[in-house]
Amino acid sequence: MKLSKKERRFWKTKFSFKDIESIPTEMIHLNLRDESFTNEELCFITSRIRKIERLDLDNNLIDDEGITCLKNLEYIRELRLKSMNITDASIESLCKMQGLELLHLGSTEVTCKGVSKLSTLKNLKTLIVSPPEIEESSLNYFLEEVPGCELIINYKPYRN
């Protein structure tokens, strides 16, 4: 598949890849923290790099629309989305990532109801969230459904 002019410029300026053959399909750690990546750029990345052990997107311009691009990934173990414009609208996309073991949603707008819906992620070992309001019933439901997961609320361990 050929690169568009815009995508070619993206790969060359952000990663110094000159052609499509240079772009890896797998990565262990992709740290894009504080880089001002956009939804479109995240889609460029996930359309080419299909397996990422750890993806750090903290403090980027990506929002709920961009999170849908993560469906392109065949595998991801750790996903960090701290301080991004993410809401419960992203939960459906996040629930498709069944290999997730760590999900960092601190300083986002994900609610406790959103947390309860993440209970389908049975491999999750650590979930970090900062919900606007604490709803113990939703948090307790999550912990009952994913008993092996450490739930961190507002950067403090939560126990039911």
N, C-alpha and C. Protein backbone atom coordinates (compact mmCIF):
# COMPACT_ATOMS: atom_id res chain seq x y z
N MET A 1 0.84 -1.18 0.00
CA MET A 1 0.00 0.00 0.00
C MET A 1 0.89 1.24 0.00
N LYS A 2 0.59 2.13 -0.89
CA LYS A 2 1.38 3.34 -1.05
C LYS A 2 0.99 4.38 0.00
N LEU A 3 1.97 5.20 0.38
CA LEU A 3 1.72 6.27 1.35
C LEU A 3 1.22 7.52 0.63
N SER A 4 0.26 8.20 1.23
CA SER A 4 -0.16 9.50 0.71
C SER A 4 0.96 10.50 1.00
N LYS A 5 0.90 11.61 0.33
CA LYS A 5 1.92 12.64 0.54
C LYS A 5 1.93 13.09 2.00
N LYS A 6 0.75 13.27 2.57
CA LYS A 6 0.64 13.72 3.96
C LYS A 6 1.21 12.68 4.92
N GLU A 7 0.88 11.40 4.68
CA GLU A 7 1.39 10.35 5.56
C GLU A 7 2.90 10.18 5.39
N ARG A 8 3.39 10.28 4.17
CA ARG A 8 4.84 10.19 3.93
C ARG A 8 5.58 11.28 4.70
N ARG A 9 5.04 12.50 4.65
CA ARG A 9 5.65 13.61 5.38
C ARG A 9 5.62 13.35 6.89
N PHE A 10 4.51 12.80 7.38
CA PHE A 10 4.39 12.46 8.80
C PHE A 10 5.50 11.50 9.22
N TRP A 11 5.63 10.38 8.50
CA TRP A 11 6.63 9.37 8.88
C TRP A 11 8.05 9.93 8.78
N LYS A 12 8.28 10.76 7.79
CA LYS A 12 9.63 11.32 7.61
C LYS A 12 9.96 12.34 8.69
N THR A 13 9.02 13.23 9.02
CA THR A 13 9.32 14.29 10.00
C THR A 13 9.27 13.80 11.44
N LYS A 14 8.33 12.90 11.75
CA LYS A 14 8.19 12.45 13.15
C LYS A 14 9.12 11.29 13.50
N PHE A 15 9.43 10.42 12.53
CA PHE A 15 10.19 9.21 12.82
C PHE A 15 11.42 9.01 11.93
N SER A 16 11.62 9.87 10.96
CA SER A 16 12.75 9.77 10.02
C SER A 16 12.68 8.52 9.13
N PHE A 17 11.48 7.99 8.90
CA PHE A 17 11.32 6.87 7.97
C PHE A 17 11.07 7.45 6.58
N LYS A 18 11.87 7.03 5.62
CA LYS A 18 11.76 7.61 4.28
C LYS A 18 10.78 6.87 3.37
N ASP A 19 10.53 5.59 3.66
CA ASP A 19 9.60 4.83 2.82
C ASP A 19 8.84 3.82 3.67
N ILE A 20 7.84 3.22 3.07
CA ILE A 20 6.96 2.31 3.81
C ILE A 20 7.71 1.08 4.33
N GLU A 21 8.72 0.64 3.62
CA GLU A 21 9.49 -0.53 4.05
C GLU A 21 10.26 -0.27 5.34
N SER A 22 10.53 0.97 5.65
CA SER A 22 11.28 1.34 6.86
C SER A 22 10.41 1.30 8.12
N ILE A 23 9.11 1.34 7.95
CA ILE A 23 8.20 1.39 9.10
C ILE A 23 8.04 -0.02 9.69
N PRO A 24 8.36 -0.19 10.96
CA PRO A 24 8.21 -1.52 11.56
C PRO A 24 6.74 -1.88 11.75
N THR A 25 6.44 -3.17 11.78
CA THR A 25 5.06 -3.60 12.02
C THR A 25 4.85 -3.95 13.49
N GLU A 26 5.95 -4.07 14.24
CA GLU A 26 5.88 -4.39 15.66
C GLU A 26 6.86 -3.51 16.43
N MET A 27 6.47 -3.13 17.64
CA MET A 27 7.36 -2.35 18.51
C MET A 27 7.15 -2.80 19.95
N ILE A 28 8.21 -2.74 20.73
CA ILE A 28 8.09 -3.06 22.15
C ILE A 28 7.53 -1.86 22.91
N HIS A 29 8.12 -0.69 22.74
CA HIS A 29 7.67 0.51 23.46
C HIS A 29 7.65 1.68 22.49
N LEU A 30 6.50 2.27 22.35
CA LEU A 30 6.35 3.46 21.53
C LEU A 30 5.94 4.59 22.45
N ASN A 31 6.89 5.47 22.76
CA ASN A 31 6.65 6.57 23.69
C ASN A 31 6.39 7.85 22.90
N LEU A 32 5.13 8.27 22.89
CA LEU A 32 4.72 9.48 22.19
C LEU A 32 4.20 10.53 23.17
N ARG A 33 4.59 10.39 24.41
CA ARG A 33 4.15 11.30 25.48
C ARG A 33 4.54 12.75 25.15
N ASP A 34 3.58 13.65 25.39
CA ASP A 34 3.82 15.10 25.24
C ASP A 34 4.29 15.50 23.84
N GLU A 35 3.78 14.83 22.81
CA GLU A 35 4.24 15.10 21.45
C GLU A 35 3.21 15.81 20.58
N SER A 36 2.04 16.11 21.09
CA SER A 36 0.98 16.80 20.34
C SER A 36 0.51 16.02 19.11
N PHE A 37 0.47 14.69 19.22
CA PHE A 37 -0.05 13.88 18.13
C PHE A 37 -1.56 14.08 18.01
N THR A 38 -2.05 13.99 16.78
CA THR A 38 -3.47 14.18 16.49
C THR A 38 -4.15 12.83 16.23
N ASN A 39 -5.46 12.86 16.12
CA ASN A 39 -6.23 11.65 15.78
C ASN A 39 -5.73 11.05 14.47
N GLU A 40 -5.57 11.89 13.46
CA GLU A 40 -5.13 11.41 12.15
C GLU A 40 -3.75 10.75 12.24
N GLU A 41 -2.85 11.35 13.00
CA GLU A 41 -1.51 10.78 13.12
C GLU A 41 -1.53 9.45 13.87
N LEU A 42 -2.40 9.32 14.86
CA LEU A 42 -2.53 8.03 15.54
C LEU A 42 -3.03 6.98 14.55
N CYS A 43 -3.94 7.35 13.68
CA CYS A 43 -4.43 6.42 12.66
C CYS A 43 -3.31 6.02 11.69
N PHE A 44 -2.44 6.96 11.33
CA PHE A 44 -1.28 6.62 10.50
C PHE A 44 -0.44 5.55 11.20
N ILE A 45 -0.19 5.75 12.48
CA ILE A 45 0.66 4.83 13.25
C ILE A 45 0.03 3.45 13.32
N THR A 46 -1.22 3.38 13.72
CA THR A 46 -1.85 2.06 13.93
C THR A 46 -2.20 1.35 12.63
N SER A 47 -2.19 2.06 11.52
CA SER A 47 -2.43 1.39 10.24
C SER A 47 -1.16 0.69 9.75
N ARG A 48 -0.02 1.04 10.30
CA ARG A 48 1.26 0.44 9.87
C ARG A 48 1.89 -0.42 10.96
N ILE A 49 1.89 0.06 12.19
CA ILE A 49 2.48 -0.69 13.31
C ILE A 49 1.33 -1.45 13.96
N ARG A 50 1.33 -2.78 13.83
CA ARG A 50 0.17 -3.58 14.23
C ARG A 50 0.27 -4.19 15.63
N LYS A 51 1.49 -4.32 16.14
CA LYS A 51 1.67 -4.89 17.48
C LYS A 51 2.58 -3.96 18.28
N ILE A 52 2.08 -3.52 19.43
CA ILE A 52 2.85 -2.63 20.31
C ILE A 52 2.70 -3.16 21.73
N GLU A 53 3.81 -3.50 22.33
CA GLU A 53 3.78 -4.00 23.71
C GLU A 53 3.28 -2.90 24.66
N ARG A 54 3.86 -1.70 24.52
CA ARG A 54 3.52 -0.58 25.40
C ARG A 54 3.41 0.69 24.57
N LEU A 55 2.24 1.33 24.62
CA LEU A 55 2.00 2.57 23.88
C LEU A 55 1.68 3.67 24.87
N ASP A 56 2.52 4.69 24.88
CA ASP A 56 2.36 5.82 25.80
C ASP A 56 1.93 7.05 25.00
N LEU A 57 0.68 7.44 25.16
CA LEU A 57 0.11 8.60 24.46
C LEU A 57 -0.23 9.74 25.42
N ASP A 58 0.25 9.68 26.65
CA ASP A 58 -0.07 10.72 27.65
C ASP A 58 0.12 12.12 27.08
N ASN A 59 -0.81 13.01 27.43
CA ASN A 59 -0.72 14.43 27.10
C ASN A 59 -0.62 14.71 25.61
N ASN A 60 -1.48 14.08 24.83
CA ASN A 60 -1.54 14.34 23.40
C ASN A 60 -2.88 14.98 23.05
N LEU A 61 -3.06 15.31 21.78
CA LEU A 61 -4.28 15.97 21.30
C LEU A 61 -5.35 14.97 20.88
N ILE A 62 -5.10 13.70 21.06
CA ILE A 62 -6.01 12.64 20.65
C ILE A 62 -7.23 12.63 21.56
N ASP A 63 -8.41 12.41 20.95
CA ASP A 63 -9.65 12.35 21.73
C ASP A 63 -10.40 11.05 21.42
N ASP A 64 -11.66 10.99 21.78
CA ASP A 64 -12.46 9.78 21.58
C ASP A 64 -12.44 9.30 20.12
N GLU A 65 -12.49 10.23 19.20
CA GLU A 65 -12.48 9.87 17.78
C GLU A 65 -11.19 9.13 17.42
N GLY A 66 -10.08 9.62 17.92
CA GLY A 66 -8.79 9.00 17.63
C GLY A 66 -8.63 7.62 18.25
N ILE A 67 -9.24 7.43 19.42
CA ILE A 67 -9.12 6.14 20.11
C ILE A 67 -9.69 5.01 19.25
N THR A 68 -10.64 5.32 18.38
CA THR A 68 -11.19 4.28 17.50
C THR A 68 -10.11 3.71 16.58
N CYS A 69 -9.06 4.46 16.30
CA CYS A 69 -7.97 3.97 15.44
C CYS A 69 -7.20 2.83 16.10
N LEU A 70 -7.29 2.71 17.40
CA LEU A 70 -6.57 1.64 18.09
C LEU A 70 -7.10 0.26 17.73
N LYS A 71 -8.28 0.22 17.12
CA LYS A 71 -8.85 -1.08 16.69
C LYS A 71 -7.96 -1.75 15.65
N ASN A 72 -7.12 -0.97 14.99
CA ASN A 72 -6.21 -1.53 13.99
C ASN A 72 -5.11 -2.39 14.60
N LEU A 73 -4.85 -2.20 15.89
CA LEU A 73 -3.78 -2.96 16.54
C LEU A 73 -4.20 -4.41 16.73
N GLU A 74 -3.31 -5.31 16.39
CA GLU A 74 -3.56 -6.73 16.63
C GLU A 74 -3.23 -7.10 18.07
N TYR A 75 -2.31 -6.35 18.68
CA TYR A 75 -1.91 -6.65 20.05
C TYR A 75 -1.40 -5.39 20.73
N ILE A 76 -1.79 -5.23 21.99
CA ILE A 76 -1.25 -4.17 22.85
C ILE A 76 -1.40 -4.65 24.29
N ARG A 77 -0.36 -4.48 25.09
CA ARG A 77 -0.38 -4.94 26.48
C ARG A 77 -0.57 -3.77 27.45
N GLU A 78 0.10 -2.64 27.21
CA GLU A 78 -0.02 -1.47 28.08
C GLU A 78 -0.40 -0.26 27.24
N LEU A 79 -1.41 0.48 27.72
CA LEU A 79 -1.87 1.67 27.03
C LEU A 79 -2.01 2.80 28.03
N ARG A 80 -1.31 3.88 27.77
CA ARG A 80 -1.32 5.04 28.67
C ARG A 80 -1.94 6.23 27.94
N LEU A 81 -3.06 6.70 28.49
CA LEU A 81 -3.83 7.80 27.88
C LEU A 81 -4.05 8.94 28.87
N LYS A 82 -3.14 9.10 29.81
CA LYS A 82 -3.28 10.10 30.86
C LYS A 82 -3.37 11.52 30.28
N SER A 83 -4.24 12.32 30.91
CA SER A 83 -4.38 13.75 30.57
C SER A 83 -4.75 13.97 29.11
N MET A 84 -5.68 13.15 28.62
CA MET A 84 -6.17 13.33 27.27
C MET A 84 -7.68 13.55 27.31
N ASN A 85 -8.22 14.04 26.22
CA ASN A 85 -9.65 14.35 26.14
C ASN A 85 -10.44 13.08 25.82
N ILE A 86 -10.40 12.13 26.77
CA ILE A 86 -11.04 10.83 26.61
C ILE A 86 -12.24 10.77 27.55
N THR A 87 -13.37 10.26 27.03
CA THR A 87 -14.59 10.13 27.83
C THR A 87 -15.09 8.69 27.75
N ASP A 88 -16.26 8.45 28.29
CA ASP A 88 -16.88 7.13 28.22
C ASP A 88 -17.15 6.71 26.77
N ALA A 89 -17.15 7.66 25.85
CA ALA A 89 -17.36 7.32 24.43
C ALA A 89 -16.25 6.42 23.90
N SER A 90 -15.10 6.39 24.55
CA SER A 90 -13.98 5.54 24.12
C SER A 90 -14.04 4.13 24.68
N ILE A 91 -14.92 3.89 25.63
CA ILE A 91 -14.94 2.60 26.33
C ILE A 91 -15.15 1.43 25.37
N GLU A 92 -16.07 1.57 24.43
CA GLU A 92 -16.33 0.47 23.48
C GLU A 92 -15.06 0.09 22.72
N SER A 93 -14.32 1.08 22.25
CA SER A 93 -13.06 0.81 21.53
C SER A 93 -12.04 0.17 22.45
N LEU A 94 -11.93 0.67 23.67
CA LEU A 94 -10.95 0.12 24.62
C LEU A 94 -11.28 -1.33 24.97
N CYS A 95 -12.55 -1.66 25.05
CA CYS A 95 -12.96 -3.02 25.41
C CYS A 95 -12.59 -4.06 24.35
N LYS A 96 -12.26 -3.61 23.15
CA LYS A 96 -11.85 -4.54 22.09
C LYS A 96 -10.40 -4.99 22.25
N MET A 97 -9.66 -4.35 23.14
CA MET A 97 -8.24 -4.66 23.35
C MET A 97 -8.09 -5.67 24.47
N GLN A 98 -8.44 -6.91 24.19
CA GLN A 98 -8.51 -7.94 25.22
C GLN A 98 -7.16 -8.32 25.80
N GLY A 99 -6.06 -7.98 25.16
CA GLY A 99 -4.73 -8.28 25.69
C GLY A 99 -4.22 -7.27 26.70
N LEU A 100 -4.98 -6.19 26.91
CA LEU A 100 -4.52 -5.14 27.82
C LEU A 100 -4.31 -5.66 29.24
N GLU A 101 -3.15 -5.33 29.80
CA GLU A 101 -2.86 -5.63 31.20
C GLU A 101 -2.78 -4.36 32.03
N LEU A 102 -2.42 -3.25 31.40
CA LEU A 102 -2.37 -1.96 32.09
C LEU A 102 -3.07 -0.92 31.23
N LEU A 103 -3.98 -0.18 31.84
CA LEU A 103 -4.69 0.90 31.16
C LEU A 103 -4.68 2.11 32.07
N HIS A 104 -4.06 3.20 31.59
CA HIS A 104 -3.94 4.43 32.39
C HIS A 104 -4.86 5.48 31.78
N LEU A 105 -5.94 5.78 32.51
CA LEU A 105 -6.91 6.79 32.10
C LEU A 105 -6.97 7.92 33.11
N GLY A 106 -5.89 8.11 33.86
CA GLY A 106 -5.85 9.18 34.86
C GLY A 106 -5.98 10.55 34.20
N SER A 107 -6.66 11.44 34.87
CA SER A 107 -6.86 12.81 34.38
C SER A 107 -7.58 12.85 33.03
N THR A 108 -8.52 11.92 32.85
CA THR A 108 -9.42 11.95 31.70
C THR A 108 -10.83 12.14 32.25
N GLU A 109 -11.83 12.10 31.39
CA GLU A 109 -13.22 12.27 31.82
C GLU A 109 -13.98 10.95 31.88
N VAL A 110 -13.26 9.85 31.95
CA VAL A 110 -13.92 8.54 32.06
C VAL A 110 -14.57 8.45 33.44
N THR A 111 -15.84 8.08 33.46
CA THR A 111 -16.62 8.02 34.70
C THR A 111 -16.56 6.62 35.33
N CYS A 112 -17.13 6.50 36.50
CA CYS A 112 -17.21 5.19 37.16
C CYS A 112 -18.08 4.22 36.36
N LYS A 113 -19.11 4.73 35.70
CA LYS A 113 -19.93 3.87 34.83
C LYS A 113 -19.07 3.33 33.69
N GLY A 114 -18.20 4.17 33.15
CA GLY A 114 -17.26 3.72 32.12
C GLY A 114 -16.32 2.65 32.65
N VAL A 115 -15.85 2.84 33.88
CA VAL A 115 -14.98 1.85 34.52
C VAL A 115 -15.69 0.50 34.60
N SER A 116 -16.96 0.51 35.01
CA SER A 116 -17.69 -0.76 35.14
C SER A 116 -17.78 -1.49 33.80
N LYS A 117 -17.89 -0.74 32.70
CA LYS A 117 -17.96 -1.36 31.38
C LYS A 117 -16.62 -1.97 30.96
N LEU A 118 -15.53 -1.50 31.55
CA LEU A 118 -14.21 -2.06 31.25
C LEU A 118 -14.02 -3.44 31.88
N SER A 119 -15.02 -3.92 32.59
CA SER A 119 -14.94 -5.23 33.24
C SER A 119 -14.83 -6.38 32.25
N THR A 120 -15.02 -6.11 30.97
CA THR A 120 -14.84 -7.15 29.95
C THR A 120 -13.36 -7.42 29.68
N LEU A 121 -12.49 -6.54 30.17
CA LEU A 121 -11.04 -6.70 29.98
C LEU A 121 -10.50 -7.60 31.09
N LYS A 122 -10.66 -8.89 30.93
CA LYS A 122 -10.35 -9.87 31.98
C LYS A 122 -8.85 -10.03 32.24
N ASN A 123 -7.99 -9.60 31.32
CA ASN A 123 -6.54 -9.70 31.52
C ASN A 123 -5.95 -8.49 32.22
N LEU A 124 -6.79 -7.48 32.47
CA LEU A 124 -6.31 -6.24 33.08
C LEU A 124 -5.76 -6.49 34.48
N LYS A 125 -4.54 -6.02 34.70
CA LYS A 125 -3.90 -6.16 36.02
C LYS A 125 -3.86 -4.82 36.76
N THR A 126 -3.84 -3.72 36.00
CA THR A 126 -3.82 -2.38 36.60
C THR A 126 -4.69 -1.45 35.78
N LEU A 127 -5.61 -0.76 36.45
CA LEU A 127 -6.45 0.25 35.83
C LEU A 127 -6.34 1.51 36.67
N ILE A 128 -5.92 2.60 36.03
CA ILE A 128 -5.76 3.89 36.71
C ILE A 128 -6.76 4.86 36.10
N VAL A 129 -7.64 5.42 36.93
CA VAL A 129 -8.64 6.38 36.47
C VAL A 129 -8.82 7.51 37.47
N SER A 130 -9.36 8.61 36.98
CA SER A 130 -9.66 9.77 37.83
C SER A 130 -11.08 10.23 37.51
N PRO A 131 -12.08 9.47 37.93
CA PRO A 131 -13.46 9.83 37.58
C PRO A 131 -13.87 11.14 38.25
N PRO A 132 -14.73 11.91 37.57
CA PRO A 132 -15.18 13.19 38.14
C PRO A 132 -15.93 13.00 39.46
N GLU A 133 -16.67 11.90 39.58
CA GLU A 133 -17.39 11.58 40.81
C GLU A 133 -17.20 10.10 41.12
N ILE A 134 -17.13 9.77 42.40
CA ILE A 134 -16.96 8.38 42.82
C ILE A 134 -18.33 7.71 42.98
N GLU A 135 -18.53 6.63 42.26
CA GLU A 135 -19.74 5.81 42.38
C GLU A 135 -19.29 4.42 42.81
N GLU A 136 -19.37 4.16 44.09
CA GLU A 136 -18.83 2.91 44.63
C GLU A 136 -19.45 1.67 44.00
N SER A 137 -20.73 1.71 43.68
CA SER A 137 -21.37 0.51 43.12
C SER A 137 -20.73 0.13 41.78
N SER A 138 -20.41 1.10 40.95
CA SER A 138 -19.76 0.82 39.66
C SER A 138 -18.35 0.30 39.86
N LEU A 139 -17.62 0.91 40.78
CA LEU A 139 -16.24 0.48 41.05
C LEU A 139 -16.21 -0.91 41.66
N ASN A 140 -17.12 -1.18 42.58
CA ASN A 140 -17.19 -2.51 43.20
C ASN A 140 -17.57 -3.58 42.17
N TYR A 141 -18.47 -3.23 41.26
CA TYR A 141 -18.84 -4.16 40.20
C TYR A 141 -17.61 -4.52 39.37
N PHE A 142 -16.84 -3.50 39.00
CA PHE A 142 -15.62 -3.75 38.22
C PHE A 142 -14.70 -4.72 38.96
N LEU A 143 -14.46 -4.46 40.23
CA LEU A 143 -13.55 -5.31 41.01
C LEU A 143 -14.07 -6.73 41.17
N GLU A 144 -15.38 -6.89 41.25
CA GLU A 144 -15.95 -8.24 41.33
C GLU A 144 -15.76 -9.00 40.02
N GLU A 145 -15.86 -8.29 38.91
CA GLU A 145 -15.74 -8.92 37.59
C GLU A 145 -14.28 -9.17 37.19
N VAL A 146 -13.37 -8.32 37.67
CA VAL A 146 -11.95 -8.45 37.34
C VAL A 146 -11.17 -8.47 38.66
N PRO A 147 -11.30 -9.54 39.44
CA PRO A 147 -10.74 -9.57 40.80
C PRO A 147 -9.22 -9.46 40.87
N GLY A 148 -8.52 -9.82 39.81
CA GLY A 148 -7.06 -9.74 39.83
C GLY A 148 -6.51 -8.38 39.46
N CYS A 149 -7.38 -7.41 39.23
CA CYS A 149 -6.95 -6.09 38.79
C CYS A 149 -6.78 -5.13 39.96
N GLU A 150 -5.68 -4.40 39.95
CA GLU A 150 -5.48 -3.33 40.93
C GLU A 150 -6.14 -2.08 40.36
N LEU A 151 -7.12 -1.56 41.07
CA LEU A 151 -7.85 -0.37 40.64
C LEU A 151 -7.31 0.83 41.40
N ILE A 152 -6.79 1.79 40.65
CA ILE A 152 -6.23 3.01 41.23
C ILE A 152 -7.18 4.17 40.88
N ILE A 153 -7.76 4.78 41.91
CA ILE A 153 -8.68 5.90 41.71
C ILE A 153 -8.03 7.16 42.26
N ASN A 154 -7.91 8.17 41.40
CA ASN A 154 -7.26 9.43 41.78
C ASN A 154 -5.90 9.16 42.44
N TYR A 155 -5.18 8.23 41.83
CA TYR A 155 -3.80 7.88 42.20
C TYR A 155 -3.67 7.23 43.58
N LYS A 156 -4.78 6.62 44.06
CA LYS A 156 -4.76 5.87 45.32
C LYS A 156 -5.44 4.52 45.09
N PRO A 157 -4.90 3.44 45.65
CA PRO A 157 -5.54 2.13 45.49
C PRO A 157 -6.97 2.15 46.03
N TYR A 158 -7.88 1.53 45.26
CA TYR A 158 -9.29 1.45 45.67
C TYR A 158 -9.59 0.02 46.07
N ARG A 159 -10.24 -0.14 47.20
CA ARG A 159 -10.66 -1.46 47.69
C ARG A 159 -12.16 -1.39 48.00
N ASN A 160 -12.87 -2.48 47.68
CA ASN A 160 -14.30 -2.49 48.00
C ASN A 160 -14.54 -3.12 49.36
